[in-house]
Amino acid sequence: MKKSIFSGLFISLILLSSCGYSLKDTSNTLTQKNIIVLADNSNLNLELISQLRAKGNKISRIENKSEDHDFMIKIKEHRIKKFSGATGSGARTTQARLDYRNSYEIFTKDNVIIENTFNSTSYLNFNQSDLLAMEKEEKVIIKNFIKDGIKNIEFLLSLNENGN
């Protein structure tokens, strides 16, 4: 009995893998597109644009009606707030919290407006003896925030394409 169940599962696995079935791990919704990004020149917005370019997108910063674009992203608010907490008798800071917020509107070719606010939080252990390492770690966290924000934009665009 166990052999037949194991054989059935094994054959099903072979059939599914041989027909090219696999879980989708990335989206191409934000790849090789013409995108207009309307935002100020803050470090966060410049990093967002840099990451979008790294995906093979052509980025314009000025709204031009004559230019053909796939969609437009208007950044309304893009910020990181830093908080620190202190515990113990000496009240030394032991951890910093970074709160990321990106509020934006997406305008598609079909004149559909998608409004969203993406929020994320990360914690950074604070060690006064190694401030340079903490600064590098903070930069990595910020890049990850923006990468996750781009995934959020891709998800919303995929939902829009599927009619939801």
Foldseek 3Di string as FASTA:
>chain_A
DVVVVVVVVVVVVCVCVVVPDDDDDDDCLLAQWEEEEADDDDPLVVLLVVVSVVRVYHYHDDDDPVDDGFKYKYWDDWDKDKDFFFDDPVRDTFKIKIKTKTWIWMQGPVRDIDTDIDIDMDMFTDDPVCVVVSVVVVVVVSSVSSVVVVVVVSVVVVCVVVPD
